[in-house]
Structure formats: structure tokens, C-alpha cells
Amino acid sequence: MFPYWENQPLSGAVDYLDSCYGKLSRAAGGKEIIVETGWPSAGDPKGAAVPSPANAAEYFTGFTRWAEAKKVRYYYFEAFDEPWKAGREGSVGAHWGIWESDGKLKASFRLGDRTTLLTGRRPA
């Protein structure tokens, strides 16, 4: 589920995802998993959906808080930027990671209590 690809503004992205998830949940009867979601940190806008480092970090925080509160199973897309996707998947293809391709956490991300969701370990 990618609100970005559905032209959703960041301000309503998690609410939009919640609405889609509600429909999925009713159809799947408790077996639903969000297999991919995320927000690009660079590239061209898609309608009202604007990629930026700050927007990617805000979506991550909003989504993970929503998922934790609703006890939703998910896979976040994606851990690292993948430069090899540039040119193959449009202007945003290489920019979905929480970390840069060299393993450095993107400057806009402040994981704090979100680290546990990603690693299973509390931050030191």
C-alpha cells in the first residue's frame, strides 16, 4: 500500500492507508499483512504526493505509530536506497530507503522508539 502512488498528500497519507486497510481487513478476515509501504525521499511529485527526506521520515513515523496502535503486521519498503533502480523505476525508484545505500541513516530520520520496530532491540 503506497499512498504516494495514489497521489495522496502526506497530510492524509496514513488516513488513506487506514481506509484501504479497513477494506482489506474485512476481506481477508484477520490474515492481512501490509507487504510493502513507504514514501520516497527524492524524485518527482505524483499529484499531491511530494517526495522529500522530511516527508519520507514523517510518513515512516506516522505509519509505524498507526501500525503499532492497530497491531498491523507489515513490511516497510525499504531499508536502504537502491541506486541501481535509478532509470529503471522512474525518478523515485532509487529513493525509498530509511538508510542511504552506504548504510548511513538518512538525516531526516530520527528513529528513537521506532528502532525497536525495525531491529527488535531498544536503542542504547
N, C-alpha and C. Protein backbone atom coordinates (compact mmCIF):
# COMPACT_ATOMS: atom_id res chain seq x y z
N MET A 1 0.85 -1.16 0.00
CA MET A 1 0.00 0.00 0.00
C MET A 1 0.90 1.23 0.00
N PHE A 2 0.78 1.99 -1.05
CA PHE A 2 1.62 3.16 -1.21
C PHE A 2 0.77 4.39 -1.49
N PRO A 3 0.45 5.18 -0.47
CA PRO A 3 -0.32 6.40 -0.72
C PRO A 3 0.36 7.31 -1.75
N TYR A 4 1.69 7.28 -1.81
CA TYR A 4 2.40 8.09 -2.81
C TYR A 4 1.91 7.77 -4.22
N TRP A 5 1.83 6.50 -4.57
CA TRP A 5 1.42 6.10 -5.92
C TRP A 5 -0.05 6.39 -6.19
N GLU A 6 -0.80 6.68 -5.14
CA GLU A 6 -2.22 7.02 -5.30
C GLU A 6 -2.44 8.54 -5.25
N ASN A 7 -1.37 9.31 -5.42
CA ASN A 7 -1.43 10.77 -5.48
C ASN A 7 -1.92 11.42 -4.19
N GLN A 8 -1.71 10.76 -3.07
CA GLN A 8 -2.21 11.26 -1.80
C GLN A 8 -1.21 12.24 -1.18
N PRO A 9 -1.70 13.37 -0.66
CA PRO A 9 -0.79 14.28 0.04
C PRO A 9 -0.31 13.63 1.34
N LEU A 10 0.86 14.00 1.76
CA LEU A 10 1.40 13.45 3.00
C LEU A 10 0.44 13.68 4.17
N SER A 11 -0.21 14.82 4.19
CA SER A 11 -1.09 15.16 5.32
C SER A 11 -2.23 14.17 5.52
N GLY A 12 -2.62 13.45 4.47
CA GLY A 12 -3.70 12.47 4.60
C GLY A 12 -3.27 11.06 4.27
N ALA A 13 -1.98 10.83 4.14
CA ALA A 13 -1.48 9.54 3.67
C ALA A 13 -1.82 8.38 4.61
N VAL A 14 -1.62 8.55 5.90
CA VAL A 14 -1.90 7.45 6.83
C VAL A 14 -3.40 7.22 6.94
N ASP A 15 -4.20 8.28 6.91
CA ASP A 15 -5.66 8.11 6.92
C ASP A 15 -6.12 7.36 5.67
N TYR A 16 -5.54 7.69 4.53
CA TYR A 16 -5.87 6.98 3.29
C TYR A 16 -5.51 5.50 3.41
N LEU A 17 -4.32 5.24 3.91
CA LEU A 17 -3.88 3.85 4.09
C LEU A 17 -4.81 3.13 5.07
N ASP A 18 -5.22 3.79 6.13
CA ASP A 18 -6.13 3.20 7.10
C ASP A 18 -7.45 2.80 6.44
N SER A 19 -7.96 3.64 5.57
CA SER A 19 -9.20 3.34 4.85
C SER A 19 -9.02 2.11 3.95
N CYS A 20 -7.91 2.07 3.22
CA CYS A 20 -7.62 0.91 2.35
C CYS A 20 -7.44 -0.35 3.18
N TYR A 21 -6.75 -0.22 4.30
CA TYR A 21 -6.52 -1.36 5.17
C TYR A 21 -7.82 -1.90 5.74
N GLY A 22 -8.74 -1.01 6.07
CA GLY A 22 -10.04 -1.45 6.58
C GLY A 22 -10.76 -2.34 5.58
N LYS A 23 -10.73 -1.96 4.32
CA LYS A 23 -11.36 -2.78 3.27
C LYS A 23 -10.65 -4.12 3.14
N LEU A 24 -9.33 -4.09 3.15
CA LEU A 24 -8.55 -5.32 3.06
C LEU A 24 -8.83 -6.22 4.26
N SER A 25 -8.88 -5.64 5.43
CA SER A 25 -9.10 -6.41 6.65
C SER A 25 -10.45 -7.12 6.63
N ARG A 26 -11.47 -6.42 6.18
CA ARG A 26 -12.79 -7.05 6.09
C ARG A 26 -12.78 -8.21 5.10
N ALA A 27 -12.05 -8.08 4.02
CA ALA A 27 -12.00 -9.13 3.00
C ALA A 27 -11.11 -10.30 3.42
N ALA A 28 -10.03 -10.01 4.15
CA ALA A 28 -9.04 -11.05 4.49
C ALA A 28 -9.35 -11.78 5.79
N GLY A 29 -10.22 -11.25 6.59
CA GLY A 29 -10.63 -11.94 7.80
C GLY A 29 -9.52 -12.22 8.81
N GLY A 30 -8.65 -11.26 9.04
CA GLY A 30 -7.61 -11.41 10.06
C GLY A 30 -6.29 -11.96 9.55
N LYS A 31 -6.18 -12.21 8.27
CA LYS A 31 -4.93 -12.75 7.72
C LYS A 31 -4.15 -11.71 6.93
N GLU A 32 -4.55 -10.47 7.05
CA GLU A 32 -3.95 -9.42 6.24
C GLU A 32 -2.58 -9.01 6.76
N ILE A 33 -1.71 -8.68 5.82
CA ILE A 33 -0.38 -8.15 6.10
C ILE A 33 -0.11 -7.08 5.05
N ILE A 34 0.36 -5.95 5.48
CA ILE A 34 0.79 -4.94 4.51
C ILE A 34 2.18 -5.36 4.07
N VAL A 35 2.30 -5.81 2.84
CA VAL A 35 3.57 -6.37 2.39
C VAL A 35 4.56 -5.31 1.94
N GLU A 36 4.09 -4.13 1.62
CA GLU A 36 5.00 -3.03 1.32
C GLU A 36 4.28 -1.71 1.54
N THR A 37 4.97 -0.78 2.14
CA THR A 37 4.55 0.62 2.19
C THR A 37 5.79 1.46 2.41
N GLY A 38 5.72 2.70 2.04
CA GLY A 38 6.84 3.60 2.21
C GLY A 38 6.55 4.92 1.51
N TRP A 39 7.53 5.80 1.56
CA TRP A 39 7.41 7.12 0.92
C TRP A 39 8.79 7.50 0.41
N PRO A 40 8.90 7.93 -0.85
CA PRO A 40 10.23 8.26 -1.39
C PRO A 40 10.79 9.56 -0.83
N SER A 41 12.10 9.60 -0.74
CA SER A 41 12.78 10.79 -0.21
C SER A 41 13.28 11.72 -1.31
N ALA A 42 13.14 11.32 -2.56
CA ALA A 42 13.56 12.17 -3.68
C ALA A 42 12.81 11.72 -4.92
N GLY A 43 12.79 12.60 -5.91
CA GLY A 43 12.14 12.29 -7.18
C GLY A 43 11.01 13.25 -7.47
N ASP A 44 10.26 12.95 -8.51
CA ASP A 44 9.18 13.82 -8.96
C ASP A 44 7.91 13.62 -8.14
N PRO A 45 7.17 14.70 -7.92
CA PRO A 45 5.86 14.57 -7.26
C PRO A 45 4.91 13.73 -8.12
N LYS A 46 3.98 13.10 -7.47
CA LYS A 46 2.90 12.37 -8.15
C LYS A 46 1.60 12.97 -7.64
N GLY A 47 1.03 13.86 -8.41
CA GLY A 47 -0.13 14.60 -7.94
C GLY A 47 0.23 15.38 -6.70
N ALA A 48 -0.54 15.19 -5.63
CA ALA A 48 -0.30 15.89 -4.37
C ALA A 48 0.78 15.22 -3.52
N ALA A 49 1.27 14.07 -3.94
CA ALA A 49 2.30 13.34 -3.19
C ALA A 49 3.68 13.86 -3.56
N VAL A 50 4.36 14.42 -2.59
CA VAL A 50 5.66 15.06 -2.84
C VAL A 50 6.77 14.31 -2.11
N PRO A 51 7.73 13.76 -2.87
CA PRO A 51 8.87 13.10 -2.22
C PRO A 51 9.82 14.14 -1.62
N SER A 52 10.32 13.83 -0.44
CA SER A 52 11.37 14.64 0.18
C SER A 52 11.88 13.87 1.39
N PRO A 53 13.08 14.17 1.84
CA PRO A 53 13.57 13.48 3.04
C PRO A 53 12.65 13.69 4.25
N ALA A 54 12.18 14.92 4.45
CA ALA A 54 11.30 15.19 5.59
C ALA A 54 9.98 14.44 5.46
N ASN A 55 9.41 14.40 4.26
CA ASN A 55 8.15 13.70 4.06
C ASN A 55 8.30 12.20 4.25
N ALA A 56 9.41 11.64 3.78
CA ALA A 56 9.65 10.20 3.97
C ALA A 56 9.73 9.86 5.46
N ALA A 57 10.43 10.69 6.21
CA ALA A 57 10.56 10.45 7.65
C ALA A 57 9.23 10.63 8.37
N GLU A 58 8.46 11.64 7.98
CA GLU A 58 7.16 11.87 8.62
C GLU A 58 6.19 10.72 8.32
N TYR A 59 6.20 10.22 7.09
CA TYR A 59 5.33 9.10 6.75
C TYR A 59 5.74 7.86 7.56
N PHE A 60 7.03 7.60 7.64
CA PHE A 60 7.52 6.45 8.41
C PHE A 60 7.03 6.51 9.85
N THR A 61 7.18 7.66 10.48
CA THR A 61 6.77 7.81 11.88
C THR A 61 5.26 7.65 12.02
N GLY A 62 4.51 8.32 11.16
CA GLY A 62 3.05 8.21 11.23
C GLY A 62 2.56 6.81 10.96
N PHE A 63 3.14 6.17 9.95
CA PHE A 63 2.72 4.81 9.61
C PHE A 63 3.05 3.83 10.73
N THR A 64 4.27 3.88 11.25
CA THR A 64 4.65 2.89 12.27
C THR A 64 3.85 3.09 13.56
N ARG A 65 3.53 4.32 13.90
CA ARG A 65 2.68 4.56 15.08
C ARG A 65 1.28 3.99 14.84
N TRP A 66 0.74 4.22 13.64
CA TRP A 66 -0.57 3.67 13.28
C TRP A 66 -0.55 2.15 13.34
N ALA A 67 0.46 1.54 12.73
CA ALA A 67 0.56 0.07 12.69
C ALA A 67 0.70 -0.52 14.08
N GLU A 68 1.49 0.12 14.91
CA GLU A 68 1.67 -0.37 16.28
C GLU A 68 0.35 -0.26 17.06
N ALA A 69 -0.34 0.85 16.92
CA ALA A 69 -1.60 1.05 17.65
C ALA A 69 -2.68 0.05 17.21
N LYS A 70 -2.68 -0.28 15.92
CA LYS A 70 -3.70 -1.20 15.39
C LYS A 70 -3.22 -2.65 15.36
N LYS A 71 -1.98 -2.86 15.77
CA LYS A 71 -1.38 -4.21 15.76
C LYS A 71 -1.40 -4.81 14.34
N VAL A 72 -0.99 -3.99 13.39
CA VAL A 72 -0.95 -4.39 11.99
C VAL A 72 0.41 -4.99 11.67
N ARG A 73 0.39 -6.12 10.99
CA ARG A 73 1.64 -6.73 10.52
C ARG A 73 2.02 -6.07 9.19
N TYR A 74 3.32 -5.80 9.02
CA TYR A 74 3.74 -5.09 7.81
C TYR A 74 5.22 -5.32 7.52
N TYR A 75 5.58 -4.97 6.31
CA TYR A 75 6.97 -4.87 5.87
C TYR A 75 7.13 -3.46 5.34
N TYR A 76 8.09 -2.72 5.88
CA TYR A 76 8.31 -1.36 5.42
C TYR A 76 9.26 -1.38 4.23
N PHE A 77 8.93 -0.63 3.21
CA PHE A 77 9.72 -0.56 1.99
C PHE A 77 10.47 0.76 1.99
N GLU A 78 11.68 0.81 2.11
CA GLU A 78 12.60 -0.28 2.25
C GLU A 78 13.73 0.13 3.14
N ALA A 79 14.59 -0.77 3.49
CA ALA A 79 15.67 -0.46 4.42
C ALA A 79 16.66 0.53 3.81
N PHE A 80 17.18 0.22 2.63
CA PHE A 80 18.25 1.02 2.03
C PHE A 80 17.85 1.53 0.66
N ASP A 81 18.33 2.73 0.32
CA ASP A 81 18.20 3.22 -1.05
C ASP A 81 18.91 2.24 -1.98
N GLU A 82 18.40 2.13 -3.17
CA GLU A 82 18.98 1.21 -4.16
C GLU A 82 19.28 1.98 -5.45
N PRO A 83 20.49 2.54 -5.55
CA PRO A 83 20.84 3.36 -6.71
C PRO A 83 20.67 2.64 -8.05
N TRP A 84 20.79 1.33 -8.06
CA TRP A 84 20.67 0.59 -9.31
C TRP A 84 19.27 0.74 -9.92
N LYS A 85 18.30 1.16 -9.12
CA LYS A 85 16.95 1.33 -9.64
C LYS A 85 16.76 2.64 -10.41
N ALA A 86 17.70 3.57 -10.28
CA ALA A 86 17.61 4.84 -10.99
C ALA A 86 17.51 4.56 -12.49
N GLY A 87 16.57 5.19 -13.13
CA GLY A 87 16.38 4.98 -14.56
C GLY A 87 15.50 3.80 -14.89
N ARG A 88 15.36 2.86 -13.98
CA ARG A 88 14.52 1.69 -14.23
C ARG A 88 13.12 1.85 -13.64
N GLU A 89 13.04 2.62 -12.57
CA GLU A 89 11.76 2.75 -11.86
C GLU A 89 11.39 4.21 -11.67
N GLY A 90 11.67 5.03 -12.65
CA GLY A 90 11.33 6.44 -12.56
C GLY A 90 12.21 7.20 -11.59
N SER A 91 11.88 8.45 -11.42
CA SER A 91 12.73 9.33 -10.61
C SER A 91 12.75 8.96 -9.13
N VAL A 92 11.74 8.24 -8.64
CA VAL A 92 11.69 7.89 -7.22
C VAL A 92 12.25 6.50 -6.93
N GLY A 93 12.46 5.68 -7.93
CA GLY A 93 12.80 4.27 -7.75
C GLY A 93 13.96 3.98 -6.82
N ALA A 94 14.96 4.82 -6.82
CA ALA A 94 16.16 4.57 -6.02
C ALA A 94 16.10 5.18 -4.62
N HIS A 95 14.97 5.80 -4.25
CA HIS A 95 14.94 6.66 -3.05
C HIS A 95 13.89 6.28 -2.02
N TRP A 96 13.70 5.00 -1.76
CA TRP A 96 12.69 4.57 -0.79
C TRP A 96 13.28 4.15 0.55
N GLY A 97 14.58 4.15 0.70
CA GLY A 97 15.22 3.63 1.90
C GLY A 97 15.13 4.53 3.12
N ILE A 98 15.24 3.90 4.27
CA ILE A 98 15.38 4.62 5.54
C ILE A 98 16.85 5.00 5.71
N TRP A 99 17.72 4.16 5.20
CA TRP A 99 19.15 4.41 5.20
C TRP A 99 19.61 4.69 3.78
N GLU A 100 20.68 5.46 3.66
CA GLU A 100 21.33 5.67 2.37
C GLU A 100 21.91 4.33 1.90
N SER A 101 22.28 4.25 0.66
CA SER A 101 22.84 3.00 0.14
C SER A 101 24.16 2.64 0.81
N ASP A 102 24.85 3.62 1.41
CA ASP A 102 26.11 3.34 2.10
C ASP A 102 25.91 2.93 3.56
N GLY A 103 24.66 2.79 3.99
CA GLY A 103 24.37 2.33 5.34
C GLY A 103 24.17 3.43 6.37
N LYS A 104 24.27 4.70 5.97
CA LYS A 104 24.06 5.81 6.90
C LYS A 104 22.58 6.13 6.98
N LEU A 105 22.08 6.28 8.21
CA LEU A 105 20.70 6.67 8.42
C LEU A 105 20.48 8.03 7.76
N LYS A 106 19.40 8.17 7.01
CA LYS A 106 19.11 9.45 6.37
C LYS A 106 18.92 10.51 7.45
N ALA A 107 19.45 11.70 7.20
CA ALA A 107 19.46 12.77 8.19
C ALA A 107 18.07 13.13 8.70
N SER A 108 17.05 12.99 7.87
CA SER A 108 15.70 13.37 8.28
C SER A 108 15.05 12.37 9.23
N PHE A 109 15.60 11.16 9.30
CA PHE A 109 15.02 10.12 10.16
C PHE A 109 15.60 10.20 11.56
N ARG A 110 14.72 10.24 12.54
CA ARG A 110 15.08 10.17 13.95
C ARG A 110 14.31 8.99 14.49
N LEU A 111 14.93 7.85 14.54
CA LEU A 111 14.20 6.63 14.85
C LEU A 111 13.73 6.55 16.29
N GLY A 112 14.56 6.90 17.26
CA GLY A 112 14.14 6.85 18.66
C GLY A 112 13.45 5.54 18.99
N ASP A 113 12.21 5.63 19.46
CA ASP A 113 11.48 4.42 19.83
C ASP A 113 11.08 3.59 18.63
N ARG A 114 11.21 4.11 17.44
CA ARG A 114 10.90 3.36 16.21
C ARG A 114 11.97 2.31 15.93
N THR A 115 13.17 2.45 16.51
CA THR A 115 14.25 1.50 16.29
C THR A 115 13.83 0.09 16.66
N THR A 116 13.09 -0.06 17.72
CA THR A 116 12.64 -1.38 18.17
C THR A 116 11.79 -2.05 17.11
N LEU A 117 10.99 -1.27 16.40
CA LEU A 117 10.13 -1.84 15.36
C LEU A 117 10.96 -2.41 14.21
N LEU A 118 12.13 -1.82 13.98
CA LEU A 118 12.95 -2.25 12.85
C LEU A 118 13.93 -3.36 13.21
N THR A 119 14.44 -3.32 14.42
CA THR A 119 15.54 -4.23 14.77
C THR A 119 15.18 -5.25 15.84
N GLY A 120 14.08 -5.01 16.55
CA GLY A 120 13.73 -5.88 17.67
C GLY A 120 14.50 -5.55 18.93
N ARG A 121 15.37 -4.52 18.87
CA ARG A 121 16.17 -4.12 20.03
C ARG A 121 15.86 -2.66 20.37
N ARG A 122 15.84 -2.37 21.63
CA ARG A 122 15.65 -0.98 22.07
C ARG A 122 16.94 -0.20 21.83
N PRO A 123 16.82 1.09 21.49
CA PRO A 123 18.04 1.88 21.30
C PRO A 123 18.84 1.99 22.59
N ALA A 124 20.14 2.07 22.46
CA ALA A 124 21.03 2.15 23.64
C ALA A 124 20.95 3.51 24.28
